[in-house]
Protein backbone atom coordinates (compact mmCIF):
# COMPACT_ATOMS: atom_id res chain seq x y z
CA MET A 1 126.31 22.31 -143.34
CA SER A 2 124.42 21.15 -140.16
CA ALA A 3 125.90 18.71 -137.21
CA GLY A 4 123.25 16.00 -138.04
CA ALA A 5 123.50 16.87 -141.90
CA THR A 6 127.27 15.08 -141.68
CA THR A 7 126.11 11.77 -140.58
CA VAL A 8 123.90 11.60 -143.96
CA GLN A 9 126.39 10.41 -146.32
CA ALA A 10 124.38 7.29 -147.99
CA ALA A 11 121.82 7.29 -150.55
CA ALA A 12 118.72 6.70 -148.90
CA PRO A 13 115.01 5.81 -150.76
CA GLN A 14 113.21 8.47 -152.54
CA ALA A 15 110.41 9.92 -150.90
CA GLY A 16 107.16 8.86 -152.64
CA ALA A 17 109.00 5.92 -154.72
CA PRO A 18 106.65 2.82 -155.27
CA ARG A 19 107.85 0.35 -152.63
CA GLY A 20 109.54 -3.02 -154.09
CA ALA A 21 109.56 -1.17 -157.53
CA ALA A 22 112.73 0.70 -159.35
CA SER A 23 112.53 4.42 -158.69
CA ALA A 24 112.40 6.10 -162.55
CA ALA A 25 116.04 7.58 -161.06
CA VAL A 26 118.64 5.61 -159.10
CA PRO A 27 118.67 7.76 -155.69
CA ASN A 28 122.12 9.89 -155.61
CA ALA A 29 124.28 9.62 -152.49
CA GLU A 30 125.26 13.04 -152.53
CA ALA A 31 121.75 14.58 -153.79
CA THR A 32 119.98 12.69 -151.21
CA GLY A 33 122.40 14.11 -148.82
CA ARG A 34 122.07 17.41 -149.68
CA ARG A 35 118.30 16.55 -149.33
CA VAL A 36 118.25 15.48 -145.75
CA GLU A 37 120.70 18.73 -144.57
CA GLU A 38 117.98 20.82 -146.35
CA VAL A 39 115.26 19.64 -144.21
CA LEU A 40 116.96 19.82 -141.33
CA ASP A 41 118.52 23.19 -141.95
CA ARG A 42 114.97 24.28 -141.95
CA LEU A 43 113.55 22.66 -138.86
CA ALA A 44 116.54 24.67 -137.21
CA GLN A 45 115.62 28.33 -138.54
CA ARG A 46 112.13 27.19 -137.19
CA ASP A 47 113.95 27.77 -133.40
CA ASP A 48 112.45 24.61 -132.85
CA ARG A 49 115.81 22.97 -131.24
CA GLU A 50 113.20 20.01 -129.59
CA ALA A 51 112.29 19.56 -133.15
CA SER A 52 115.50 19.91 -134.80
CA ALA A 53 117.24 17.61 -132.48
CA ALA A 54 114.68 14.95 -132.81
CA ALA A 55 115.36 15.32 -136.40
CA GLU A 56 118.74 15.10 -135.85
CA GLU A 57 118.15 11.55 -134.01
CA LEU A 58 116.06 10.42 -136.07
CA VAL A 59 118.65 10.41 -139.12
CA ARG A 60 121.27 9.16 -136.79
CA VAL A 61 119.04 6.17 -135.85
CA LEU A 62 117.89 5.66 -139.40
CA MET A 63 121.95 5.88 -140.21
CA ASP A 64 122.53 3.10 -137.63
CA PHE A 65 120.38 1.08 -139.14
CA TYR A 66 121.25 1.01 -142.58
CA GLY A 67 124.80 0.87 -141.83
CA ALA A 68 124.36 -2.14 -139.56
CA GLY A 69 122.86 -3.96 -142.54
CA LEU A 70 124.63 -3.13 -145.32
CA ALA A 71 128.04 -4.27 -142.71
CA ARG A 72 126.27 -7.99 -142.15
CA ILE A 73 125.65 -8.06 -146.01
CA MET A 74 129.09 -7.30 -146.49
CA HIS A 75 129.93 -10.19 -143.73
CA LEU A 76 128.01 -12.82 -145.08
CA LEU A 77 129.08 -12.75 -148.61
CA GLY A 78 132.94 -11.95 -147.22
CA ARG A 79 132.27 -15.62 -145.50
CA GLY A 80 132.54 -19.06 -146.22
CA THR A 81 128.70 -20.30 -147.39
CA ASP A 82 126.95 -23.59 -147.01
CA ASP A 83 125.38 -25.08 -150.22
CA GLY A 84 122.55 -23.42 -150.29
CA GLY A 85 124.93 -20.05 -151.49
CA PRO A 86 125.07 -16.36 -149.99
CA ARG A 87 121.56 -15.94 -151.15
CA SER A 88 120.54 -18.37 -148.52
CA ALA A 89 122.71 -16.92 -145.77
CA LEU A 90 121.19 -13.20 -146.42
CA LEU A 91 117.75 -14.15 -146.55
CA GLY A 92 118.60 -16.98 -143.18
CA ASP A 93 119.70 -13.05 -141.49
CA ASP A 94 117.09 -11.30 -139.26
CA LEU A 95 118.75 -7.81 -139.38
CA VAL A 96 118.91 -8.61 -144.00
CA THR A 97 115.40 -9.66 -143.92
CA SER A 98 113.82 -6.91 -141.92
CA LEU A 99 115.56 -4.76 -144.77
CA LEU A 100 114.44 -6.55 -147.46
CA VAL A 101 110.48 -7.08 -146.07
CA LEU A 102 110.88 -2.85 -145.23
CA HIS A 103 111.21 -2.38 -148.94
CA ASP A 104 109.02 -5.01 -150.19
CA LEU A 105 112.12 -6.62 -151.60
CA HIS A 106 112.11 -10.22 -150.18
CA PRO A 107 111.62 -12.67 -152.58
CA GLU A 108 109.97 -15.28 -150.04
CA ASP A 109 106.00 -15.62 -148.85
CA THR A 110 104.91 -15.12 -145.32
CA ALA A 111 104.76 -18.88 -144.80
CA ALA A 112 108.14 -19.39 -145.83
CA ARG A 113 109.48 -16.67 -143.57
CA ILE A 114 107.68 -18.13 -140.81
CA GLY A 115 109.41 -21.29 -141.02
CA ARG A 116 112.95 -19.24 -141.53
CA ALA A 117 112.21 -17.55 -138.35
CA LEU A 118 111.11 -21.02 -136.10
CA ASP A 119 114.04 -22.04 -137.61
CA SER A 120 116.52 -19.39 -136.33
CA VAL A 121 115.31 -20.57 -132.26
CA ARG A 122 114.54 -24.02 -132.94
CA ARG A 123 117.41 -25.58 -131.07
CA GLN A 124 116.81 -23.46 -128.08
CA HIS A 125 113.12 -23.14 -128.65
CA PRO A 126 111.21 -25.51 -130.64
CA ALA A 127 108.02 -24.39 -131.88
CA GLU A 128 105.38 -24.93 -134.67
CA VAL A 129 102.76 -23.25 -136.64
CA ALA A 130 99.43 -24.49 -135.82
CA GLU A 131 97.65 -21.53 -138.52
CA PHE A 132 98.19 -18.49 -139.77
CA ASP A 133 95.72 -16.05 -140.47
CA GLY A 134 96.52 -13.78 -143.00
CA ASP A 135 93.36 -11.46 -143.06
CA THR A 136 94.04 -10.91 -139.90
CA GLY A 137 98.05 -11.18 -139.15
CA THR A 138 97.18 -13.68 -136.18
CA LEU A 139 99.49 -16.35 -135.65
CA ARG A 140 98.90 -19.11 -133.81
CA LEU A 141 102.03 -21.53 -132.78
CA ARG A 142 102.23 -24.69 -131.02
CA SER A 143 105.04 -25.03 -127.88
CA GLY A 144 107.52 -28.00 -128.57
CA ASP A 145 109.46 -29.59 -125.70
CA SER A 146 112.73 -28.27 -125.44
CA GLY A 147 113.46 -30.59 -122.83
CA GLY A 148 114.04 -27.65 -120.32
CA CYS A 149 112.33 -27.47 -116.46
CA GLY A 150 109.03 -26.55 -117.86
CA CYS A 151 109.09 -23.66 -115.32
CA PRO A 152 106.54 -20.58 -116.12
CA SER A 153 109.45 -18.22 -116.49
CA THR A 154 111.38 -20.91 -119.07
CA ASN A 155 108.66 -20.53 -120.86
CA GLN A 156 107.52 -17.35 -121.11
CA GLN A 157 111.11 -16.75 -122.27
CA ALA A 158 110.77 -19.18 -124.99
CA GLN A 159 108.11 -17.42 -126.20
CA GLN A 160 109.47 -13.79 -126.50
CA ALA A 161 112.45 -15.32 -128.01
CA VAL A 162 110.11 -17.32 -130.50
CA GLU A 163 107.86 -14.06 -130.89
CA ALA A 164 110.88 -11.64 -131.42
CA ALA A 165 112.25 -13.98 -134.56
CA VAL A 166 108.56 -14.03 -135.90
CA SER A 167 108.49 -10.02 -135.66
CA CYS A 168 111.68 -9.75 -137.42
CA PHE A 169 111.39 -12.07 -140.17
CA ALA A 170 106.94 -11.15 -140.96
CA PRO A 171 106.74 -8.09 -139.66
CA GLU A 172 102.94 -8.55 -140.91
CA VAL A 173 102.49 -11.27 -138.29
CA THR A 174 99.76 -8.55 -135.86
CA SER A 175 99.32 -10.91 -133.35
CA MET A 176 100.67 -14.28 -131.82
CA GLN A 177 98.75 -16.49 -129.83
CA TRP A 178 100.18 -19.77 -128.14
CA GLU A 179 98.70 -23.84 -127.37
CA ALA A 180 99.93 -26.19 -125.22
CA ALA A 181 102.56 -28.75 -126.73
CA GLY A 182 99.97 -31.77 -128.14
CA GLU A 183 96.82 -29.74 -127.72
CA ARG A 184 94.67 -30.10 -130.21
CA PRO A 185 91.20 -28.35 -130.91
CA GLU A 186 88.45 -31.03 -129.70
CA PRO A 187 86.62 -32.83 -132.69
CA ALA A 188 83.13 -32.20 -133.47
CA LEU A 189 80.74 -34.43 -131.16
CA LEU A 190 78.97 -36.70 -133.24
CA GLN A 191 75.48 -37.55 -132.46
CA ILE A 192 74.20 -41.48 -132.53
CA SER A 193 70.64 -41.58 -132.97
CA ARG A 194 68.48 -44.82 -132.45
CA ARG A 195 67.99 -46.59 -135.50
CA PRO A 196 64.73 -45.72 -137.26
CA PRO A 197 62.36 -48.77 -136.99
CA THR A 198 61.92 -51.07 -140.12
CA ALA A 199 59.16 -52.32 -141.69
CA ALA A 200 58.81 -55.45 -139.61
CA THR A 201 59.75 -54.18 -136.55
CA ALA A 202 57.07 -51.67 -137.08
CA SER A 203 54.03 -53.79 -137.95
């Protein structure tokens, strides 16, 4: 058994299985571990140490990511939850949400998850949705008044915190644009023409 394969002791989604749907055969932890071990061994036999090391690192990174997600789930389920119950606690967690979205398992749509993202940082960095274009993945945000000093560096940190939260909860948002608080699109200019002459004034 290779060194990298010893880290693979948990089930992983089967390659080619449809996302968001139950696969025909439930992944088996032991079989999946053997499969990953075989792939790593094949890479090692190619005498490409760099590729083999990269593959083993990839396995470790993924195992750490999923392990942290499972640990967070168990922590949230084990502690006391609010009136929303454990489901609300799980959906309100950025790490758990990122795993659910990754596999098309999150029950909420993009707009709801964007709202959760903003709620998660609202106390320190208030922001509102100005507009979201689902076709392009562009989200326009309006910065709120956080009561800070208004320094450019502070505003930039606040925007980065909001953007990081949105990226976790709604990764389908591909770009974010900001507008200042109170800024609104200017209304269309109404052209007022002179009143046309009536029959009495025209004669």
